[in-house]
Amino acid sequence: MVEGEDVSRHREVLQEKIVSRTAEVAVIGLGYVGLALAVELGDAGYRVTGFDLSPERVDAIRRGESYVPDVKASDLVPLVEAGLL
């Protein structure tokens, strides 16, 4: 367990990573909400790792294909190509 000064230091490090966009984000479940969230975080400059039980979804994302009507492939492709998603 982290206590006292260690907590403050960890908080500072996390805040710096958020501000500098070097924090890495994980999204669990890449359905309607998860994929949209992952794309928005990627657009904001964060590196996003998505997890899903469906190999078909994961493969589609790797190909830059969207299976969610509200997420355009044209928004997804640049993130995949840049390694942000």
PDB file of N, CA and C in Angstrom:
ATOM      1  N   MET A   1       0.841  -1.180   0.000  1.00  0.00           N
ATOM      2  CA  MET A   1       0.000   0.000   0.000  1.00  0.00           C
ATOM      3  C   MET A   1       0.885   1.241   0.000  1.00  0.00           C
ATOM      4  N   VAL A   2       0.491   2.228  -0.775  1.00  0.00           N
ATOM      5  CA  VAL A   2       1.236   3.474  -0.884  1.00  0.00           C
ATOM      6  C   VAL A   2       0.633   4.480   0.079  1.00  0.00           C
ATOM      7  N   GLU A   3       1.495   5.152   0.851  1.00  0.00           N
ATOM      8  CA  GLU A   3       0.991   6.084   1.855  1.00  0.00           C
ATOM      9  C   GLU A   3       1.719   7.414   1.783  1.00  0.00           C
ATOM     10  N   GLY A   4       1.122   8.447   2.403  1.00  0.00           N
ATOM     11  CA  GLY A   4       1.748   9.736   2.633  1.00  0.00           C
ATOM     12  C   GLY A   4       2.368  10.386   1.423  1.00  0.00           C
ATOM     13  N   GLU A   5       3.663  10.642   1.522  1.00  0.00           N
ATOM     14  CA  GLU A   5       4.385  11.324   0.456  1.00  0.00           C
ATOM     15  C   GLU A   5       4.353  10.544  -0.840  1.00  0.00           C
ATOM     16  N   ASP A   6       4.368   9.207  -0.739  1.00  0.00           N
ATOM     17  CA  ASP A   6       4.318   8.383  -1.944  1.00  0.00           C
ATOM     18  C   ASP A   6       3.033   8.631  -2.720  1.00  0.00           C
ATOM     19  N   VAL A   7       1.915   8.772  -2.019  1.00  0.00           N
ATOM     20  CA  VAL A   7       0.635   9.039  -2.682  1.00  0.00           C
ATOM     21  C   VAL A   7       0.697  10.378  -3.404  1.00  0.00           C
ATOM     22  N   SER A   8       1.228  11.386  -2.740  1.00  0.00           N
ATOM     23  CA  SER A   8       1.343  12.708  -3.347  1.00  0.00           C
ATOM     24  C   SER A   8       2.222  12.662  -4.587  1.00  0.00           C
ATOM     25  N   ARG A   9       3.318  11.953  -4.514  1.00  0.00           N
ATOM     26  CA  ARG A   9       4.228  11.847  -5.669  1.00  0.00           C
ATOM     27  C   ARG A   9       3.562  11.107  -6.815  1.00  0.00           C
ATOM     28  N   HIS A  10       2.872  10.026  -6.520  1.00  0.00           N
ATOM     29  CA  HIS A  10       2.168   9.270  -7.570  1.00  0.00           C
ATOM     30  C   HIS A  10       1.103  10.145  -8.232  1.00  0.00           C
ATOM     31  N   ARG A  11       0.401  10.929  -7.426  1.00  0.00           N
ATOM     32  CA  ARG A  11      -0.615  11.833  -7.949  1.00  0.00           C
ATOM     33  C   ARG A  11       0.017  12.858  -8.885  1.00  0.00           C
ATOM     34  N   GLU A  12       1.147  13.410  -8.477  1.00  0.00           N
ATOM     35  CA  GLU A  12       1.846  14.399  -9.310  1.00  0.00           C
ATOM     36  C   GLU A  12       2.301  13.791 -10.632  1.00  0.00           C
ATOM     37  N   VAL A  13       2.840  12.591 -10.566  1.00  0.00           N
ATOM     38  CA  VAL A  13       3.304  11.910 -11.779  1.00  0.00           C
ATOM     39  C   VAL A  13       2.131  11.661 -12.718  1.00  0.00           C
ATOM     40  N   LEU A  14       1.023  11.188 -12.175  1.00  0.00           N
ATOM     41  CA  LEU A  14      -0.158  10.934 -12.999  1.00  0.00           C
ATOM     42  C   LEU A  14      -0.681  12.229 -13.617  1.00  0.00           C
ATOM     43  N   GLN A  15      -0.766  13.273 -12.836  1.00  0.00           N
ATOM     44  CA  GLN A  15      -1.241  14.553 -13.367  1.00  0.00           C
ATOM     45  C   GLN A  15      -0.343  15.043 -14.495  1.00  0.00           C
ATOM     46  N   GLU A  16       0.958  14.913 -14.340  1.00  0.00           N
ATOM     47  CA  GLU A  16       1.894  15.331 -15.384  1.00  0.00           C
ATOM     48  C   GLU A  16       1.679  14.514 -16.654  1.00  0.00           C
ATOM     49  N   LYS A  17       1.473  13.207 -16.496  1.00  0.00           N
ATOM     50  CA  LYS A  17       1.240  12.354 -17.666  1.00  0.00           C
ATOM     51  C   LYS A  17      -0.064  12.715 -18.365  1.00  0.00           C
ATOM     52  N   ILE A  18      -1.074  13.076 -17.604  1.00  0.00           N
ATOM     53  CA  ILE A  18      -2.348  13.476 -18.206  1.00  0.00           C
ATOM     54  C   ILE A  18      -2.176  14.785 -18.974  1.00  0.00           C
ATOM     55  N   VAL A  19      -1.549  15.756 -18.354  1.00  0.00           N
ATOM     56  CA  VAL A  19      -1.353  17.060 -18.991  1.00  0.00           C
ATOM     57  C   VAL A  19      -0.485  16.939 -20.242  1.00  0.00           C
ATOM     58  N   SER A  20       0.562  16.128 -20.171  1.00  0.00           N
ATOM     59  CA  SER A  20       1.488  15.998 -21.302  1.00  0.00           C
ATOM     60  C   SER A  20       1.028  14.967 -22.332  1.00  0.00           C
ATOM     61  N   ARG A  21      -0.107  14.354 -22.089  1.00  0.00           N
ATOM     62  CA  ARG A  21      -0.673  13.327 -22.980  1.00  0.00           C
ATOM     63  C   ARG A  21       0.231  12.110 -23.126  1.00  0.00           C
ATOM     64  N   THR A  22       1.030  11.819 -22.101  1.00  0.00           N
ATOM     65  CA  THR A  22       1.868  10.623 -22.136  1.00  0.00           C
ATOM     66  C   THR A  22       1.274   9.483 -21.319  1.00  0.00           C
ATOM     67  N   ALA A  23       0.137   9.726 -20.674  1.00  0.00           N
ATOM     68  CA  ALA A  23      -0.546   8.659 -19.945  1.00  0.00           C
ATOM     69  C   ALA A  23      -1.070   7.636 -20.948  1.00  0.00           C
ATOM     70  N   GLU A  24      -0.988   6.384 -20.587  1.00  0.00           N
ATOM     71  CA  GLU A  24      -1.552   5.323 -21.422  1.00  0.00           C
ATOM     72  C   GLU A  24      -2.863   4.890 -20.792  1.00  0.00           C
ATOM     73  N   VAL A  25      -3.871   4.710 -21.640  1.00  0.00           N
ATOM     74  CA  VAL A  25      -5.227   4.437 -21.170  1.00  0.00           C
ATOM     75  C   VAL A  25      -5.666   3.060 -21.657  1.00  0.00           C
ATOM     76  N   ALA A  26      -6.369   2.327 -20.803  1.00  0.00           N
ATOM     77  CA  ALA A  26      -6.950   1.042 -21.184  1.00  0.00           C
ATOM     78  C   ALA A  26      -8.465   1.180 -21.186  1.00  0.00           C
ATOM     79  N   VAL A  27      -9.090   0.640 -22.222  1.00  0.00           N
ATOM     80  CA  VAL A  27     -10.549   0.613 -22.308  1.00  0.00           C
ATOM     81  C   VAL A  27     -10.954  -0.855 -22.366  1.00  0.00           C
ATOM     82  N   ILE A  28     -11.772  -1.259 -21.419  1.00  0.00           N
ATOM     83  CA  ILE A  28     -12.229  -2.641 -21.336  1.00  0.00           C
ATOM     84  C   ILE A  28     -13.604  -2.716 -21.995  1.00  0.00           C
ATOM     85  N   GLY A  29     -13.684  -3.467 -23.064  1.00  0.00           N
ATOM     86  CA  GLY A  29     -14.931  -3.606 -23.809  1.00  0.00           C
ATOM     87  C   GLY A  29     -14.989  -2.570 -24.917  1.00  0.00           C
ATOM     88  N   LEU A  30     -14.996  -3.030 -26.152  1.00  0.00           N
ATOM     89  CA  LEU A  30     -14.964  -2.134 -27.302  1.00  0.00           C
ATOM     90  C   LEU A  30     -16.272  -2.168 -28.080  1.00  0.00           C
ATOM     91  N   GLY A  31     -17.356  -2.106 -27.320  1.00  0.00           N
ATOM     92  CA  GLY A  31     -18.676  -2.019 -27.940  1.00  0.00           C
ATOM     93  C   GLY A  31     -19.005  -0.579 -28.257  1.00  0.00           C
ATOM     94  N   TYR A  32     -20.286  -0.239 -28.218  1.00  0.00           N
ATOM     95  CA  TYR A  32     -20.736   1.105 -28.595  1.00  0.00           C
ATOM     96  C   TYR A  32     -20.094   2.191 -27.744  1.00  0.00           C
ATOM     97  N   VAL A  33     -20.017   1.982 -26.458  1.00  0.00           N
ATOM     98  CA  VAL A  33     -19.437   2.999 -25.569  1.00  0.00           C
ATOM     99  C   VAL A  33     -17.911   2.924 -25.588  1.00  0.00           C
ATOM    100  N   GLY A  34     -17.374   1.730 -25.454  1.00  0.00           N
ATOM    101  CA  GLY A  34     -15.923   1.567 -25.357  1.00  0.00           C
ATOM    102  C   GLY A  34     -15.167   2.014 -26.584  1.00  0.00           C
ATOM    103  N   LEU A  35     -15.648   1.663 -27.780  1.00  0.00           N
ATOM    104  CA  LEU A  35     -14.940   2.064 -28.996  1.00  0.00           C
ATOM    105  C   LEU A  35     -15.006   3.575 -29.174  1.00  0.00           C
ATOM    106  N   ALA A  36     -16.165   4.159 -28.925  1.00  0.00           N
ATOM    107  CA  ALA A  36     -16.289   5.615 -29.032  1.00  0.00           C
ATOM    108  C   ALA A  36     -15.359   6.309 -28.036  1.00  0.00           C
ATOM    109  N   LEU A  37     -15.282   5.800 -26.809  1.00  0.00           N
ATOM    110  CA  LEU A  37     -14.398   6.368 -25.804  1.00  0.00           C
ATOM    111  C   LEU A  37     -12.936   6.225 -26.232  1.00  0.00           C
ATOM    112  N   ALA A  38     -12.562   5.076 -26.718  1.00  0.00           N
ATOM    113  CA  ALA A  38     -11.184   4.842 -27.158  1.00  0.00           C
ATOM    114  C   ALA A  38     -10.797   5.803 -28.280  1.00  0.00           C
ATOM    115  N   VAL A  39     -11.700   6.029 -29.218  1.00  0.00           N
ATOM    116  CA  VAL A  39     -11.422   6.945 -30.325  1.00  0.00           C
ATOM    117  C   VAL A  39     -11.279   8.380 -29.815  1.00  0.00           C
ATOM    118  N   GLU A  40     -12.149   8.795 -28.921  1.00  0.00           N
ATOM    119  CA  GLU A  40     -12.053  10.159 -28.367  1.00  0.00           C
ATOM    120  C   GLU A  40     -10.743  10.352 -27.603  1.00  0.00           C
ATOM    121  N   LEU A  41     -10.352   9.363 -26.818  1.00  0.00           N
ATOM    122  CA  LEU A  41      -9.089   9.457 -26.078  1.00  0.00           C
ATOM    123  C   LEU A  41      -7.898   9.479 -27.040  1.00  0.00           C
ATOM    124  N   GLY A  42      -7.963   8.668 -28.082  1.00  0.00           N
ATOM    125  CA  GLY A  42      -6.910   8.684 -29.096  1.00  0.00           C
ATOM    126  C   GLY A  42      -6.838  10.021 -29.810  1.00  0.00           C
ATOM    127  N   ASP A  43      -7.997  10.588 -30.140  1.00  0.00           N
ATOM    128  CA  ASP A  43      -8.031  11.911 -30.773  1.00  0.00           C
ATOM    129  C   ASP A  43      -7.418  12.977 -29.869  1.00  0.00           C
ATOM    130  N   ALA A  44      -7.548  12.788 -28.574  1.00  0.00           N
ATOM    131  CA  ALA A  44      -6.992  13.744 -27.615  1.00  0.00           C
ATOM    132  C   ALA A  44      -5.481  13.559 -27.448  1.00  0.00           C
ATOM    133  N   GLY A  45      -4.936  12.504 -28.059  1.00  0.00           N
ATOM    134  CA  GLY A  45      -3.499  12.302 -28.031  1.00  0.00           C
ATOM    135  C   GLY A  45      -2.999  11.213 -27.106  1.00  0.00           C
ATOM    136  N   TYR A  46      -3.912  10.526 -26.442  1.00  0.00           N
ATOM    137  CA  TYR A  46      -3.503   9.446 -25.556  1.00  0.00           C
ATOM    138  C   TYR A  46      -3.299   8.154 -26.342  1.00  0.00           C
ATOM    139  N   ARG A  47      -2.367   7.334 -25.888  1.00  0.00           N
ATOM    140  CA  ARG A  47      -2.209   5.994 -26.447  1.00  0.00           C
ATOM    141  C   ARG A  47      -3.205   5.098 -25.721  1.00  0.00           C
ATOM    142  N   VAL A  48      -4.057   4.423 -26.482  1.00  0.00           N
ATOM    143  CA  VAL A  48      -5.151   3.638 -25.910  1.00  0.00           C
ATOM    144  C   VAL A  48      -4.966   2.163 -26.253  1.00  0.00           C
ATOM    145  N   THR A  49      -5.088   1.328 -25.240  1.00  0.00           N
ATOM    146  CA  THR A  49      -5.104  -0.114 -25.443  1.00  0.00           C
ATOM    147  C   THR A  49      -6.519  -0.580 -25.146  1.00  0.00           C
ATOM    148  N   GLY A  50      -7.128  -1.207 -26.136  1.00  0.00           N
ATOM    149  CA  GLY A  50      -8.487  -1.699 -25.971  1.00  0.00           C
ATOM    150  C   GLY A  50      -8.497  -3.201 -25.767  1.00  0.00           C
ATOM    151  N   PHE A  51      -9.404  -3.646 -24.917  1.00  0.00           N
ATOM    152  CA  PHE A  51      -9.574  -5.072 -24.644  1.00  0.00           C
ATOM    153  C   PHE A  51     -11.006  -5.456 -24.956  1.00  0.00           C
ATOM    154  N   ASP A  52     -11.182  -6.571 -25.630  1.00  0.00           N
ATOM    155  CA  ASP A  52     -12.522  -7.078 -25.899  1.00  0.00           C
ATOM    156  C   ASP A  52     -12.452  -8.588 -26.020  1.00  0.00           C
ATOM    157  N   LEU A  53     -13.515  -9.262 -25.617  1.00  0.00           N
ATOM    158  CA  LEU A  53     -13.572 -10.722 -25.720  1.00  0.00           C
ATOM    159  C   LEU A  53     -13.790 -11.201 -27.146  1.00  0.00           C
ATOM    160  N   SER A  54     -14.242 -10.315 -28.010  1.00  0.00           N
ATOM    161  CA  SER A  54     -14.549 -10.695 -29.384  1.00  0.00           C
ATOM    162  C   SER A  54     -13.334 -10.518 -30.293  1.00  0.00           C
ATOM    163  N   PRO A  55     -12.760 -11.608 -30.770  1.00  0.00           N
ATOM    164  CA  PRO A  55     -11.630 -11.493 -31.701  1.00  0.00           C
ATOM    165  C   PRO A  55     -12.023 -10.762 -32.985  1.00  0.00           C
ATOM    166  N   GLU A  56     -13.296 -10.874 -33.373  1.00  0.00           N
ATOM    167  CA  GLU A  56     -13.765 -10.201 -34.586  1.00  0.00           C
ATOM    168  C   GLU A  56     -13.687  -8.682 -34.426  1.00  0.00           C
ATOM    169  N   ARG A  57     -14.054  -8.189 -33.254  1.00  0.00           N
ATOM    170  CA  ARG A  57     -13.973  -6.741 -33.004  1.00  0.00           C
ATOM    171  C   ARG A  57     -12.524  -6.275 -33.026  1.00  0.00           C
ATOM    172  N   VAL A  58     -11.672  -7.013 -32.352  1.00  0.00           N
ATOM    173  CA  VAL A  58     -10.258  -6.641 -32.295  1.00  0.00           C
ATOM    174  C   VAL A  58      -9.659  -6.636 -33.705  1.00  0.00           C
ATOM    175  N   ASP A  59      -9.952  -7.650 -34.489  1.00  0.00           N
ATOM    176  CA  ASP A  59      -9.447  -7.713 -35.861  1.00  0.00           C
ATOM    177  C   ASP A  59      -9.973  -6.563 -36.710  1.00  0.00           C
ATOM    178  N   ALA A  60     -11.243  -6.225 -36.540  1.00  0.00           N
ATOM    179  CA  ALA A  60     -11.820  -5.112 -37.299  1.00  0.00           C
ATOM    180  C   ALA A  60     -11.106  -3.806 -36.977  1.00  0.00           C
ATOM    181  N   ILE A  61     -10.840  -3.570 -35.714  1.00  0.00           N
ATOM    182  CA  ILE A  61     -10.134  -2.345 -35.312  1.00  0.00           C
ATOM    183  C   ILE A  61      -8.735  -2.336 -35.908  1.00  0.00           C
ATOM    184  N   ARG A  62      -8.062  -3.447 -35.854  1.00  0.00           N
ATOM    185  CA  ARG A  62      -6.703  -3.525 -36.432  1.00  0.00           C
ATOM    186  C   ARG A  62      -6.713  -3.219 -37.931  1.00  0.00           C
ATOM    187  N   ARG A  63      -7.808  -3.541 -38.598  1.00  0.00           N
ATOM    188  CA  ARG A  63      -7.945  -3.244 -40.033  1.00  0.00           C
ATOM    189  C   ARG A  63      -8.449  -1.823 -40.274  1.00  0.00           C
ATOM    190  N   GLY A  64      -8.795  -1.121 -39.189  1.00  0.00           N
ATOM    191  CA  GLY A  64      -9.323   0.234 -39.326  1.00  0.00           C
ATOM    192  C   GLY A  64     -10.779   0.266 -39.718  1.00  0.00           C
ATOM    193  N   GLU A  65     -11.489  -0.810 -39.415  1.00  0.00           N
ATOM    194  CA  GLU A  65     -12.911  -0.909 -39.750  1.00  0.00           C
ATOM    195  C   GLU A  65     -13.750  -0.718 -38.489  1.00  0.00           C
ATOM    196  N   SER A  66     -14.794   0.080 -38.613  1.00  0.00           N
ATOM    197  CA  SER A  66     -15.687   0.303 -37.481  1.00  0.00           C
ATOM    198  C   SER A  66     -16.949  -0.533 -37.628  1.00  0.00           C
ATOM    199  N   TYR A  67     -17.377  -1.115 -36.556  1.00  0.00           N
ATOM    200  CA  TYR A  67     -18.623  -1.891 -36.507  1.00  0.00           C
ATOM    201  C   TYR A  67     -19.661  -1.154 -35.676  1.00  0.00           C
ATOM    202  N   VAL A  68     -19.344   0.062 -35.276  1.00  0.00           N
ATOM    203  CA  VAL A  68     -20.238   0.897 -34.480  1.00  0.00           C
ATOM    204  C   VAL A  68     -20.686   2.070 -35.347  1.00  0.00           C
ATOM    205  N   PRO A  69     -21.990   2.234 -35.563  1.00  0.00           N
ATOM    206  CA  PRO A  69     -22.468   3.286 -36.459  1.00  0.00           C
ATOM    207  C   PRO A  69     -21.992   4.701 -36.106  1.00  0.00           C
ATOM    208  N   ASP A  70     -21.812   4.986 -34.825  1.00  0.00           N
ATOM    209  CA  ASP A  70     -21.401   6.336 -34.420  1.00  0.00           C
ATOM    210  C   ASP A  70     -19.901   6.576 -34.520  1.00  0.00           C
ATOM    211  N   VAL A  71     -19.140   5.552 -34.833  1.00  0.00           N
ATOM    212  CA  VAL A  71     -17.682   5.695 -34.989  1.00  0.00           C
ATOM    213  C   VAL A  71     -17.346   5.464 -36.458  1.00  0.00           C
ATOM    214  N   LYS A  72     -16.848   6.516 -37.091  1.00  0.00           N
ATOM    215  CA  LYS A  72     -16.514   6.426 -38.521  1.00  0.00           C
ATOM    216  C   LYS A  72     -15.143   5.787 -38.700  1.00  0.00           C
ATOM    217  N   ALA A  73     -15.031   4.974 -39.735  1.00  0.00           N
ATOM    218  CA  ALA A  73     -13.734   4.379 -40.063  1.00  0.00           C
ATOM    219  C   ALA A  73     -12.713   5.476 -40.342  1.00  0.00           C
ATOM    220  N   SER A  74     -13.164   6.580 -40.898  1.00  0.00           N
ATOM    221  CA  SER A  74     -12.246   7.683 -41.205  1.00  0.00           C
ATOM    222  C   SER A  74     -11.670   8.315 -39.932  1.00  0.00           C
ATOM    223  N   ASP A  75     -12.345   8.127 -38.800  1.00  0.00           N
ATOM    224  CA  ASP A  75     -11.805   8.584 -37.515  1.00  0.00           C
ATOM    225  C   ASP A  75     -10.898   7.526 -36.889  1.00  0.00           C
ATOM    226  N   LEU A  76     -11.172   6.284 -37.210  1.00  0.00           N
ATOM    227  CA  LEU A  76     -10.458   5.156 -36.616  1.00  0.00           C
ATOM    228  C   LEU A  76      -9.104   4.912 -37.290  1.00  0.00           C
ATOM    229  N   VAL A  77      -9.078   4.953 -38.614  1.00  0.00           N
ATOM    230  CA  VAL A  77      -7.876   4.616 -39.379  1.00  0.00           C
ATOM    231  C   VAL A  77      -6.646   5.418 -38.960  1.00  0.00           C
ATOM    232  N   PRO A  78      -6.735   6.756 -38.860  1.00  0.00           N
ATOM    233  CA  PRO A  78      -5.521   7.501 -38.487  1.00  0.00           C
ATOM    234  C   PRO A  78      -4.971   7.121 -37.101  1.00  0.00           C
ATOM    235  N   LEU A  79      -5.865   6.778 -36.188  1.00  0.00           N
ATOM    236  CA  LEU A  79      -5.426   6.387 -34.849  1.00  0.00           C
ATOM    237  C   LEU A  79      -4.708   5.052 -34.872  1.00  0.00           C
ATOM    238  N   VAL A  80      -5.235   4.110 -35.648  1.00  0.00           N
ATOM    239  CA  VAL A  80      -4.598   2.803 -35.773  1.00  0.00           C
ATOM    240  C   VAL A  80      -3.231   2.955 -36.463  1.00  0.00           C
ATOM    241  N   GLU A  81      -3.201   3.741 -37.528  1.00  0.00           N
ATOM    242  CA  GLU A  81      -1.949   3.939 -38.266  1.00  0.00           C
ATOM    243  C   GLU A  81      -0.896   4.645 -37.415  1.00  0.00           C
ATOM    244  N   ALA A  82      -1.315   5.547 -36.537  1.00  0.00           N
ATOM    245  CA  ALA A  82      -0.381   6.280 -35.676  1.00  0.00           C
ATOM    246  C   ALA A  82       0.029   5.482 -34.439  1.00  0.00           C
ATOM    247  N   GLY A  83      -0.594   4.319 -34.239  1.00  0.00           N
ATOM    248  CA  GLY A  83      -0.282   3.511 -33.060  1.00  0.00           C
ATOM    249  C   GLY A  83      -0.904   4.026 -31.782  1.00  0.00           C
ATOM    250  N   LEU A  84      -1.921   4.886 -31.915  1.00  0.00           N
ATOM    251  CA  LEU A  84      -2.600   5.413 -30.725  1.00  0.00           C
ATOM    252  C   LEU A  84      -3.730   4.504 -30.275  1.00  0.00           C
ATOM    253  N   LEU A  85      -4.131   3.584 -31.124  1.00  0.00           N
ATOM    254  CA  LEU A  85      -5.220   2.659 -30.779  1.00  0.00           C
ATOM    255  C   LEU A  85      -4.871   1.285 -31.288  1.00  0.00           C
TER     256      LEU A  85
END
